[in-house]
């Protein structure tokens, strides 16, 4: 499983450890990923995603998973999240019976 947020595409960054003697060695900065269960109001079910803490705050700020997915371009989303976005858009576009 790759270390990339499924909603924000936030991934690993590369930098240097710098010692007191100014020696530089490569290191990685990993995103703060959490396995969370988010509820989709449009679909009426919960969805498990691997999301960064920053992404989770953004989802709550926008007003929920459905709003976040509809406002985000599919290029930033993972395959699962993009499929979920299309499913939500289809459900909202269909006339309510």
PDB file of N, CA and C in Angstrom:
ATOM      1  N   UNK A   1       0.851  -1.176   0.000  1.00  0.00           N
ATOM      2  CA  UNK A   1       0.000   0.000   0.000  1.00  0.00           C
ATOM      3  C   UNK A   1       0.901   1.247   0.000  1.00  0.00           C
ATOM      4  N   UNK A   2       0.690   2.128  -0.937  1.00  0.00           N
ATOM      5  CA  UNK A   2       1.545   3.300  -1.037  1.00  0.00           C
ATOM      6  C   UNK A   2       1.171   4.329   0.010  1.00  0.00           C
ATOM      7  N   UNK A   3       2.112   5.171   0.338  1.00  0.00           N
ATOM      8  CA  UNK A   3       1.891   6.178   1.371  1.00  0.00           C
ATOM      9  C   UNK A   3       1.418   7.473   0.744  1.00  0.00           C
ATOM     10  N   UNK A   4       0.214   7.435   0.180  1.00  0.00           N
ATOM     11  CA  UNK A   4      -0.376   8.594  -0.482  1.00  0.00           C
ATOM     12  C   UNK A   4      -1.808   8.747  -0.004  1.00  0.00           C
ATOM     13  N   UNK A   5      -2.211   9.968   0.294  1.00  0.00           N
ATOM     14  CA  UNK A   5      -3.582  10.248   0.706  1.00  0.00           C
ATOM     15  C   UNK A   5      -4.506  10.019  -0.483  1.00  0.00           C
ATOM     16  N   UNK A   6      -5.626   9.333  -0.251  1.00  0.00           N
ATOM     17  CA  UNK A   6      -6.553   9.019  -1.339  1.00  0.00           C
ATOM     18  C   UNK A   6      -7.389  10.223  -1.771  1.00  0.00           C
ATOM     19  N   UNK A   7      -7.459  11.249  -0.942  1.00  0.00           N
ATOM     20  CA  UNK A   7      -8.276  12.411  -1.284  1.00  0.00           C
ATOM     21  C   UNK A   7      -7.463  13.611  -1.767  1.00  0.00           C
ATOM     22  N   UNK A   8      -6.293  13.830  -1.185  1.00  0.00           N
ATOM     23  CA  UNK A   8      -5.525  15.029  -1.529  1.00  0.00           C
ATOM     24  C   UNK A   8      -4.277  14.727  -2.352  1.00  0.00           C
ATOM     25  N   UNK A   9      -3.956  13.472  -2.556  1.00  0.00           N
ATOM     26  CA  UNK A   9      -2.748  13.033  -3.270  1.00  0.00           C
ATOM     27  C   UNK A   9      -1.474  13.512  -2.591  1.00  0.00           C
ATOM     28  N   UNK A  10      -1.558  13.797  -1.308  1.00  0.00           N
ATOM     29  CA  UNK A  10      -0.385  14.202  -0.537  1.00  0.00           C
ATOM     30  C   UNK A  10       0.468  12.960  -0.308  1.00  0.00           C
ATOM     31  N   UNK A  11       1.730  13.036  -0.687  1.00  0.00           N
ATOM     32  CA  UNK A  11       2.593  11.867  -0.610  1.00  0.00           C
ATOM     33  C   UNK A  11       3.882  12.147   0.129  1.00  0.00           C
ATOM     34  N   UNK A  12       4.836  11.283  -0.090  1.00  0.00           N
ATOM     35  CA  UNK A  12       6.115  11.345   0.593  1.00  0.00           C
ATOM     36  C   UNK A  12       6.973  12.442  -0.017  1.00  0.00           C
ATOM     37  N   UNK A  13       7.711  13.169   0.829  1.00  0.00           N
ATOM     38  CA  UNK A  13       8.652  14.190   0.383  1.00  0.00           C
ATOM     39  C   UNK A  13      10.058  13.758   0.756  1.00  0.00           C
ATOM     40  N   UNK A  14      11.047  14.229   0.015  1.00  0.00           N
ATOM     41  CA  UNK A  14      12.436  13.864   0.264  1.00  0.00           C
ATOM     42  C   UNK A  14      13.202  15.116   0.651  1.00  0.00           C
ATOM     43  N   UNK A  15      14.071  14.967   1.656  1.00  0.00           N
ATOM     44  CA  UNK A  15      14.883  16.095   2.103  1.00  0.00           C
ATOM     45  C   UNK A  15      16.175  15.596   2.704  1.00  0.00           C
ATOM     46  N   UNK A  16      16.795  16.440   3.500  1.00  0.00           N
ATOM     47  CA  UNK A  16      18.070  16.103   4.117  1.00  0.00           C
ATOM     48  C   UNK A  16      17.991  16.191   5.629  1.00  0.00           C
ATOM     49  N   UNK A  17      18.673  15.240   6.313  1.00  0.00           N
ATOM     50  CA  UNK A  17      19.000  15.410   7.721  1.00  0.00           C
ATOM     51  C   UNK A  17      20.271  16.232   7.731  1.00  0.00           C
ATOM     52  N   UNK A  18      20.322  17.274   8.516  1.00  0.00           N
ATOM     53  CA  UNK A  18      21.514  18.115   8.583  1.00  0.00           C
ATOM     54  C   UNK A  18      22.053  18.055  10.001  1.00  0.00           C
ATOM     55  N   UNK A  19      23.280  17.558  10.148  1.00  0.00           N
ATOM     56  CA  UNK A  19      23.893  17.418  11.461  1.00  0.00           C
ATOM     57  C   UNK A  19      24.482  18.752  11.925  1.00  0.00           C
ATOM     58  N   UNK A  20      24.953  18.760  13.156  1.00  0.00           N
ATOM     59  CA  UNK A  20      25.591  19.956  13.699  1.00  0.00           C
ATOM     60  C   UNK A  20      26.836  20.323  12.893  1.00  0.00           C
ATOM     61  N   UNK A  21      27.510  19.301  12.342  1.00  0.00           N
ATOM     62  CA  UNK A  21      28.701  19.528  11.513  1.00  0.00           C
ATOM     63  C   UNK A  21      28.323  19.815  10.060  1.00  0.00           C
ATOM     64  N   UNK A  22      27.027  20.002   9.804  1.00  0.00           N
ATOM     65  CA  UNK A  22      26.494  20.328   8.477  1.00  0.00           C
ATOM     66  C   UNK A  22      26.660  19.191   7.466  1.00  0.00           C
ATOM     67  N   UNK A  23      26.760  17.932   7.980  1.00  0.00           N
ATOM     68  CA  UNK A  23      26.726  16.784   7.087  1.00  0.00           C
ATOM     69  C   UNK A  23      25.277  16.558   6.672  1.00  0.00           C
ATOM     70  N   UNK A  24      25.081  16.204   5.403  1.00  0.00           N
ATOM     71  CA  UNK A  24      23.721  16.022   4.906  1.00  0.00           C
ATOM     72  C   UNK A  24      23.510  14.570   4.472  1.00  0.00           C
ATOM     73  N   UNK A  25      22.459  13.959   4.969  1.00  0.00           N
ATOM     74  CA  UNK A  25      22.071  12.618   4.554  1.00  0.00           C
ATOM     75  C   UNK A  25      20.599  12.654   4.166  1.00  0.00           C
ATOM     76  N   UNK A  26      20.253  11.844   3.171  1.00  0.00           N
ATOM     77  CA  UNK A  26      18.884  11.839   2.665  1.00  0.00           C
ATOM     78  C   UNK A  26      17.918  11.261   3.705  1.00  0.00           C
ATOM     79  N   UNK A  27      16.706  11.779   3.712  1.00  0.00           N
ATOM     80  CA  UNK A  27      15.647  11.270   4.567  1.00  0.00           C
ATOM     81  C   UNK A  27      14.313  11.505   3.877  1.00  0.00           C
ATOM     82  N   UNK A  28      13.263  10.858   4.374  1.00  0.00           N
ATOM     83  CA  UNK A  28      11.935  11.060   3.797  1.00  0.00           C
ATOM     84  C   UNK A  28      11.001  11.620   4.857  1.00  0.00           C
ATOM     85  N   UNK A  29      10.064  12.431   4.403  1.00  0.00           N
ATOM     86  CA  UNK A  29       9.008  12.973   5.247  1.00  0.00           C
ATOM     87  C   UNK A  29       7.712  12.293   4.796  1.00  0.00           C
ATOM     88  N   UNK A  30       7.082  11.560   5.697  1.00  0.00           N
ATOM     89  CA  UNK A  30       5.874  10.817   5.350  1.00  0.00           C
ATOM     90  C   UNK A  30       4.636  11.591   5.808  1.00  0.00           C
ATOM     91  N   UNK A  31       3.551  11.531   5.033  1.00  0.00           N
ATOM     92  CA  UNK A  31       2.317  12.201   5.459  1.00  0.00           C
ATOM     93  C   UNK A  31       1.679  11.458   6.633  1.00  0.00           C
ATOM     94  N   UNK A  32       0.900  12.175   7.401  1.00  0.00           N
ATOM     95  CA  UNK A  32       0.214  11.608   8.559  1.00  0.00           C
ATOM     96  C   UNK A  32      -1.061  10.924   8.082  1.00  0.00           C
ATOM     97  N   UNK A  33      -0.937   9.675   7.625  1.00  0.00           N
ATOM     98  CA  UNK A  33      -2.080   8.950   7.060  1.00  0.00           C
ATOM     99  C   UNK A  33      -2.841   8.190   8.138  1.00  0.00           C
ATOM    100  N   UNK A  34      -4.172   8.235   8.031  1.00  0.00           N
ATOM    101  CA  UNK A  34      -5.052   7.542   8.958  1.00  0.00           C
ATOM    102  C   UNK A  34      -6.064   6.734   8.154  1.00  0.00           C
ATOM    103  N   UNK A  35      -6.407   5.557   8.630  1.00  0.00           N
ATOM    104  CA  UNK A  35      -7.498   4.788   8.044  1.00  0.00           C
ATOM    105  C   UNK A  35      -8.783   5.271   8.697  1.00  0.00           C
ATOM    106  N   UNK A  36      -9.649   5.906   7.918  1.00  0.00           N
ATOM    107  CA  UNK A  36     -10.871   6.475   8.477  1.00  0.00           C
ATOM    108  C   UNK A  36     -12.088   5.940   7.728  1.00  0.00           C
ATOM    109  N   UNK A  37     -13.222   5.956   8.410  1.00  0.00           N
ATOM    110  CA  UNK A  37     -14.493   5.596   7.804  1.00  0.00           C
ATOM    111  C   UNK A  37     -15.300   6.876   7.673  1.00  0.00           C
ATOM    112  N   UNK A  38     -15.559   7.281   6.435  1.00  0.00           N
ATOM    113  CA  UNK A  38     -16.324   8.493   6.175  1.00  0.00           C
ATOM    114  C   UNK A  38     -17.705   8.091   5.662  1.00  0.00           C
ATOM    115  N   UNK A  39     -18.712   8.894   5.997  1.00  0.00           N
ATOM    116  CA  UNK A  39     -20.082   8.583   5.613  1.00  0.00           C
ATOM    117  C   UNK A  39     -20.477   9.425   4.418  1.00  0.00           C
ATOM    118  N   UNK A  40     -20.991   8.768   3.388  1.00  0.00           N
ATOM    119  CA  UNK A  40     -21.507   9.454   2.217  1.00  0.00           C
ATOM    120  C   UNK A  40     -23.013   9.611   2.374  1.00  0.00           C
ATOM    121  N   UNK A  41     -23.477  10.877   2.434  1.00  0.00           N
ATOM    122  CA  UNK A  41     -24.907  11.130   2.592  1.00  0.00           C
ATOM    123  C   UNK A  41     -25.686  10.734   1.341  1.00  0.00           C
ATOM    124  N   UNK A  42     -25.096  10.983   0.178  1.00  0.00           N
ATOM    125  CA  UNK A  42     -25.792  10.687  -1.081  1.00  0.00           C
ATOM    126  C   UNK A  42     -25.982   9.180  -1.266  1.00  0.00           C
ATOM    127  N   UNK A  43     -24.952   8.407  -0.935  1.00  0.00           N
ATOM    128  CA  UNK A  43     -25.038   6.960  -1.115  1.00  0.00           C
ATOM    129  C   UNK A  43     -25.684   6.263   0.071  1.00  0.00           C
ATOM    130  N   UNK A  44     -25.695   6.929   1.218  1.00  0.00           N
ATOM    131  CA  UNK A  44     -26.286   6.337   2.413  1.00  0.00           C
ATOM    132  C   UNK A  44     -25.480   5.199   2.990  1.00  0.00           C
ATOM    133  N   UNK A  45     -24.173   5.245   2.819  1.00  0.00           N
ATOM    134  CA  UNK A  45     -23.311   4.198   3.375  1.00  0.00           C
ATOM    135  C   UNK A  45     -21.966   4.791   3.774  1.00  0.00           C
ATOM    136  N   UNK A  46     -21.196   4.008   4.497  1.00  0.00           N
ATOM    137  CA  UNK A  46     -19.877   4.467   4.926  1.00  0.00           C
ATOM    138  C   UNK A  46     -18.805   3.911   4.001  1.00  0.00           C
ATOM    139  N   UNK A  47     -17.692   4.640   3.925  1.00  0.00           N
ATOM    140  CA  UNK A  47     -16.591   4.282   3.031  1.00  0.00           C
ATOM    141  C   UNK A  47     -15.289   4.368   3.814  1.00  0.00           C
ATOM    142  N   UNK A  48     -14.464   3.332   3.700  1.00  0.00           N
ATOM    143  CA  UNK A  48     -13.148   3.348   4.350  1.00  0.00           C
ATOM    144  C   UNK A  48     -12.117   3.884   3.379  1.00  0.00           C
ATOM    145  N   UNK A  49     -11.354   4.900   3.807  1.00  0.00           N
ATOM    146  CA  UNK A  49     -10.313   5.496   2.979  1.00  0.00           C
ATOM    147  C   UNK A  49      -9.067   5.719   3.817  1.00  0.00           C
ATOM    148  N   UNK A  50      -7.933   5.813   3.149  1.00  0.00           N
ATOM    149  CA  UNK A  50      -6.666   6.147   3.803  1.00  0.00           C
ATOM    150  C   UNK A  50      -6.394   7.615   3.516  1.00  0.00           C
ATOM    151  N   UNK A  51      -6.585   8.462   4.516  1.00  0.00           N
ATOM    152  CA  UNK A  51      -6.594   9.906   4.337  1.00  0.00           C
ATOM    153  C   UNK A  51      -5.576  10.551   5.271  1.00  0.00           C
ATOM    154  N   UNK A  52      -4.932  11.623   4.796  1.00  0.00           N
ATOM    155  CA  UNK A  52      -4.027  12.375   5.652  1.00  0.00           C
ATOM    156  C   UNK A  52      -4.849  13.189   6.648  1.00  0.00           C
ATOM    157  N   UNK A  53      -4.233  13.551   7.762  1.00  0.00           N
ATOM    158  CA  UNK A  53      -4.926  14.344   8.774  1.00  0.00           C
ATOM    159  C   UNK A  53      -5.354  15.686   8.182  1.00  0.00           C
ATOM    160  N   UNK A  54      -4.511  16.253   7.330  1.00  0.00           N
ATOM    161  CA  UNK A  54      -4.842  17.513   6.666  1.00  0.00           C
ATOM    162  C   UNK A  54      -6.037  17.328   5.730  1.00  0.00           C
ATOM    163  N   UNK A  55      -6.076  16.232   5.013  1.00  0.00           N
ATOM    164  CA  UNK A  55      -7.193  15.944   4.120  1.00  0.00           C
ATOM    165  C   UNK A  55      -8.490  15.761   4.886  1.00  0.00           C
ATOM    166  N   UNK A  56      -8.415  15.137   6.055  1.00  0.00           N
ATOM    167  CA  UNK A  56      -9.600  14.930   6.879  1.00  0.00           C
ATOM    168  C   UNK A  56     -10.149  16.269   7.363  1.00  0.00           C
ATOM    169  N   UNK A  57      -9.271  17.172   7.751  1.00  0.00           N
ATOM    170  CA  UNK A  57      -9.698  18.512   8.169  1.00  0.00           C
ATOM    171  C   UNK A  57     -10.352  19.248   7.002  1.00  0.00           C
ATOM    172  N   UNK A  58      -9.799  19.081   5.812  1.00  0.00           N
ATOM    173  CA  UNK A  58     -10.353  19.739   4.628  1.00  0.00           C
ATOM    174  C   UNK A  58     -11.747  19.207   4.304  1.00  0.00           C
ATOM    175  N   UNK A  59     -11.930  17.904   4.426  1.00  0.00           N
ATOM    176  CA  UNK A  59     -13.236  17.299   4.158  1.00  0.00           C
ATOM    177  C   UNK A  59     -14.275  17.857   5.130  1.00  0.00           C
ATOM    178  N   UNK A  60     -13.920  17.955   6.399  1.00  0.00           N
ATOM    179  CA  UNK A  60     -14.849  18.481   7.393  1.00  0.00           C
ATOM    180  C   UNK A  60     -15.131  19.958   7.153  1.00  0.00           C
ATOM    181  N   UNK A  61     -14.135  20.696   6.694  1.00  0.00           N
ATOM    182  CA  UNK A  61     -14.305  22.131   6.435  1.00  0.00           C
ATOM    183  C   UNK A  61     -15.266  22.385   5.274  1.00  0.00           C
ATOM    184  N   UNK A  62     -15.189  21.561   4.244  1.00  0.00           N
ATOM    185  CA  UNK A  62     -16.024  21.736   3.051  1.00  0.00           C
ATOM    186  C   UNK A  62     -17.465  21.282   3.320  1.00  0.00           C
ATOM    187  N   UNK A  63     -17.658  20.415   4.297  1.00  0.00           N
ATOM    188  CA  UNK A  63     -19.021  20.001   4.625  1.00  0.00           C
ATOM    189  C   UNK A  63     -19.310  18.545   4.355  1.00  0.00           C
ATOM    190  N   UNK A  64     -18.320  17.709   4.350  1.00  0.00           N
ATOM    191  CA  UNK A  64     -18.548  16.277   4.199  1.00  0.00           C
ATOM    192  C   UNK A  64     -17.880  15.692   2.973  1.00  0.00           C
ATOM    193  N   UNK A  65     -17.894  14.376   2.922  1.00  0.00           N
ATOM    194  CA  UNK A  65     -17.212  13.636   1.859  1.00  0.00           C
ATOM    195  C   UNK A  65     -17.809  13.932   0.487  1.00  0.00           C
ATOM    196  N   UNK A  66     -19.138  13.987   0.391  1.00  0.00           N
ATOM    197  CA  UNK A  66     -19.779  14.209  -0.906  1.00  0.00           C
ATOM    198  C   UNK A  66     -19.370  15.555  -1.501  1.00  0.00           C
ATOM    199  N   UNK A  67     -19.420  16.613  -0.698  1.00  0.00           N
ATOM    200  CA  UNK A  67     -19.033  17.941  -1.185  1.00  0.00           C
ATOM    201  C   UNK A  67     -17.572  17.966  -1.607  1.00  0.00           C
ATOM    202  N   UNK A  68     -16.704  17.321  -0.815  1.00  0.00           N
ATOM    203  CA  UNK A  68     -15.278  17.322  -1.134  1.00  0.00           C
ATOM    204  C   UNK A  68     -15.013  16.637  -2.474  1.00  0.00           C
ATOM    205  N   UNK A  69     -15.620  15.466  -2.665  1.00  0.00           N
ATOM    206  CA  UNK A  69     -15.382  14.717  -3.895  1.00  0.00           C
ATOM    207  C   UNK A  69     -15.911  15.453  -5.122  1.00  0.00           C
ATOM    208  N   UNK A  70     -17.069  16.084  -4.996  1.00  0.00           N
ATOM    209  CA  UNK A  70     -17.640  16.786  -6.140  1.00  0.00           C
ATOM    210  C   UNK A  70     -16.830  18.024  -6.514  1.00  0.00           C
ATOM    211  N   UNK A  71     -16.141  18.642  -5.543  1.00  0.00           N
ATOM    212  CA  UNK A  71     -15.368  19.852  -5.820  1.00  0.00           C
ATOM    213  C   UNK A  71     -13.929  19.569  -6.258  1.00  0.00           C
ATOM    214  N   UNK A  72     -13.445  18.359  -6.030  1.00  0.00           N
ATOM    215  CA  UNK A  72     -12.058  18.018  -6.331  1.00  0.00           C
ATOM    216  C   UNK A  72     -11.962  17.374  -7.710  1.00  0.00           C
ATOM    217  N   UNK A  73     -10.909  17.718  -8.458  1.00  0.00           N
ATOM    218  CA  UNK A  73     -10.726  17.122  -9.780  1.00  0.00           C
ATOM    219  C   UNK A  73     -10.288  15.659  -9.639  1.00  0.00           C
ATOM    220  N   UNK A  74     -10.659  14.857 -10.633  1.00  0.00           N
ATOM    221  CA  UNK A  74     -10.366  13.423 -10.568  1.00  0.00           C
ATOM    222  C   UNK A  74      -8.882  13.117 -10.668  1.00  0.00           C
ATOM    223  N   UNK A  75      -8.087  14.046 -11.205  1.00  0.00           N
ATOM    224  CA  UNK A  75      -6.648  13.799 -11.325  1.00  0.00           C
ATOM    225  C   UNK A  75      -5.969  13.736  -9.963  1.00  0.00           C
ATOM    226  N   UNK A  76      -6.514  14.426  -8.957  1.00  0.00           N
ATOM    227  CA  UNK A  76      -5.929  14.410  -7.621  1.00  0.00           C
ATOM    228  C   UNK A  76      -6.371  13.203  -6.810  1.00  0.00           C
ATOM    229  N   UNK A  77      -7.496  12.606  -7.176  1.00  0.00           N
ATOM    230  CA  UNK A  77      -8.067  11.521  -6.386  1.00  0.00           C
ATOM    231  C   UNK A  77      -7.466  10.176  -6.760  1.00  0.00           C
ATOM    232  N   UNK A  78      -7.509   9.244  -5.820  1.00  0.00           N
ATOM    233  CA  UNK A  78      -7.089   7.873  -6.115  1.00  0.00           C
ATOM    234  C   UNK A  78      -8.166   7.212  -6.976  1.00  0.00           C
ATOM    235  N   UNK A  79      -7.880   6.024  -7.471  1.00  0.00           N
ATOM    236  CA  UNK A  79      -8.842   5.307  -8.308  1.00  0.00           C
ATOM    237  C   UNK A  79     -10.133   5.020  -7.548  1.00  0.00           C
ATOM    238  N   UNK A  80      -9.999   4.586  -6.287  1.00  0.00           N
ATOM    239  CA  UNK A  80     -11.183   4.297  -5.476  1.00  0.00           C
ATOM    240  C   UNK A  80     -12.013   5.541  -5.234  1.00  0.00           C
ATOM    241  N   UNK A  81     -11.346   6.652  -4.916  1.00  0.00           N
ATOM    242  CA  UNK A  81     -12.054   7.899  -4.636  1.00  0.00           C
ATOM    243  C   UNK A  81     -12.704   8.446  -5.908  1.00  0.00           C
ATOM    244  N   UNK A  82     -12.044   8.303  -7.060  1.00  0.00           N
ATOM    245  CA  UNK A  82     -12.614   8.773  -8.323  1.00  0.00           C
ATOM    246  C   UNK A  82     -13.859   7.950  -8.672  1.00  0.00           C
ATOM    247  N   UNK A  83     -13.808   6.649  -8.448  1.00  0.00           N
ATOM    248  CA  UNK A  83     -14.963   5.788  -8.694  1.00  0.00           C
ATOM    249  C   UNK A  83     -16.120   6.183  -7.775  1.00  0.00           C
ATOM    250  N   UNK A  84     -15.775   6.503  -6.524  1.00  0.00           N
ATOM    251  CA  UNK A  84     -16.778   6.940  -5.559  1.00  0.00           C
ATOM    252  C   UNK A  84     -17.394   8.272  -5.986  1.00  0.00           C
ATOM    253  N   UNK A  85     -16.574   9.176  -6.515  1.00  0.00           N
ATOM    254  CA  UNK A  85     -17.066  10.474  -6.993  1.00  0.00           C
ATOM    255  C   UNK A  85     -18.066  10.286  -8.134  1.00  0.00           C
ATOM    256  N   UNK A  86     -17.743   9.418  -9.086  1.00  0.00           N
ATOM    257  CA  UNK A  86     -18.654   9.165 -10.204  1.00  0.00           C
ATOM    258  C   UNK A  86     -19.967   8.548  -9.726  1.00  0.00           C
ATOM    259  N   UNK A  87     -19.865   7.662  -8.730  1.00  0.00           N
ATOM    260  CA  UNK A  87     -21.056   7.021  -8.177  1.00  0.00           C
ATOM    261  C   UNK A  87     -21.962   8.051  -7.492  1.00  0.00           C
ATOM    262  N   UNK A  88     -21.360   8.975  -6.753  1.00  0.00           N
ATOM    263  CA  UNK A  88     -22.128  10.025  -6.063  1.00  0.00           C
ATOM    264  C   UNK A  88     -22.749  10.970  -7.075  1.00  0.00           C
ATOM    265  N   UNK A  89     -22.004  11.356  -8.115  1.00  0.00           N
ATOM    266  CA  UNK A  89     -22.527  12.262  -9.146  1.00  0.00           C
ATOM    267  C   UNK A  89     -23.705  11.614  -9.862  1.00  0.00           C
ATOM    268  N   UNK A  90     -23.600  10.312 -10.170  1.00  0.00           N
ATOM    269  CA  UNK A  90     -24.685   9.581 -10.813  1.00  0.00           C
ATOM    270  C   UNK A  90     -25.928   9.557  -9.931  1.00  0.00           C
ATOM    271  N   UNK A  91     -25.714   9.318  -8.634  1.00  0.00           N
ATOM    272  CA  UNK A  91     -26.829   9.234  -7.694  1.00  0.00           C
ATOM    273  C   UNK A  91     -27.538  10.583  -7.545  1.00  0.00           C
ATOM    274  N   UNK A  92     -26.766  11.679  -7.530  1.00  0.00           N
ATOM    275  CA  UNK A  92     -27.348  13.010  -7.375  1.00  0.00           C
ATOM    276  C   UNK A  92     -28.028  13.476  -8.663  1.00  0.00           C
ATOM    277  N   UNK A  93     -27.539  13.023  -9.811  1.00  0.00           N
ATOM    278  CA  UNK A  93     -28.120  13.433 -11.097  1.00  0.00           C
ATOM    279  C   UNK A  93     -29.420  12.696 -11.392  1.00  0.00           C
ATOM    280  N   UNK A  94     -29.561  11.502 -10.836  1.00  0.00           N
ATOM    281  CA  UNK A  94     -30.775  10.704 -11.084  1.00  0.00           C
ATOM    282  C   UNK A  94     -31.960  11.369 -10.383  1.00  0.00           C
ATOM    283  N   UNK A  95     -33.138  11.416 -11.029  1.00  0.00           N
ATOM    284  CA  UNK A  95     -34.310  12.019 -10.390  1.00  0.00           C
ATOM    285  C   UNK A  95     -34.763  11.168  -9.204  1.00  0.00           C
ATOM    286  N   UNK A  96     -35.110  11.843  -8.121  1.00  0.00           N
ATOM    287  CA  UNK A  96     -35.555  11.127  -6.919  1.00  0.00           C
ATOM    288  C   UNK A  96     -36.949  10.556  -7.152  1.00  0.00           C
ATOM    289  N   UNK A  97     -37.099   9.267  -6.911  1.00  0.00           N
ATOM    290  CA  UNK A  97     -38.396   8.608  -7.142  1.00  0.00           C
ATOM    291  C   UNK A  97     -39.213   8.551  -5.876  1.00  0.00           C
TER     292      UNK A  97
END
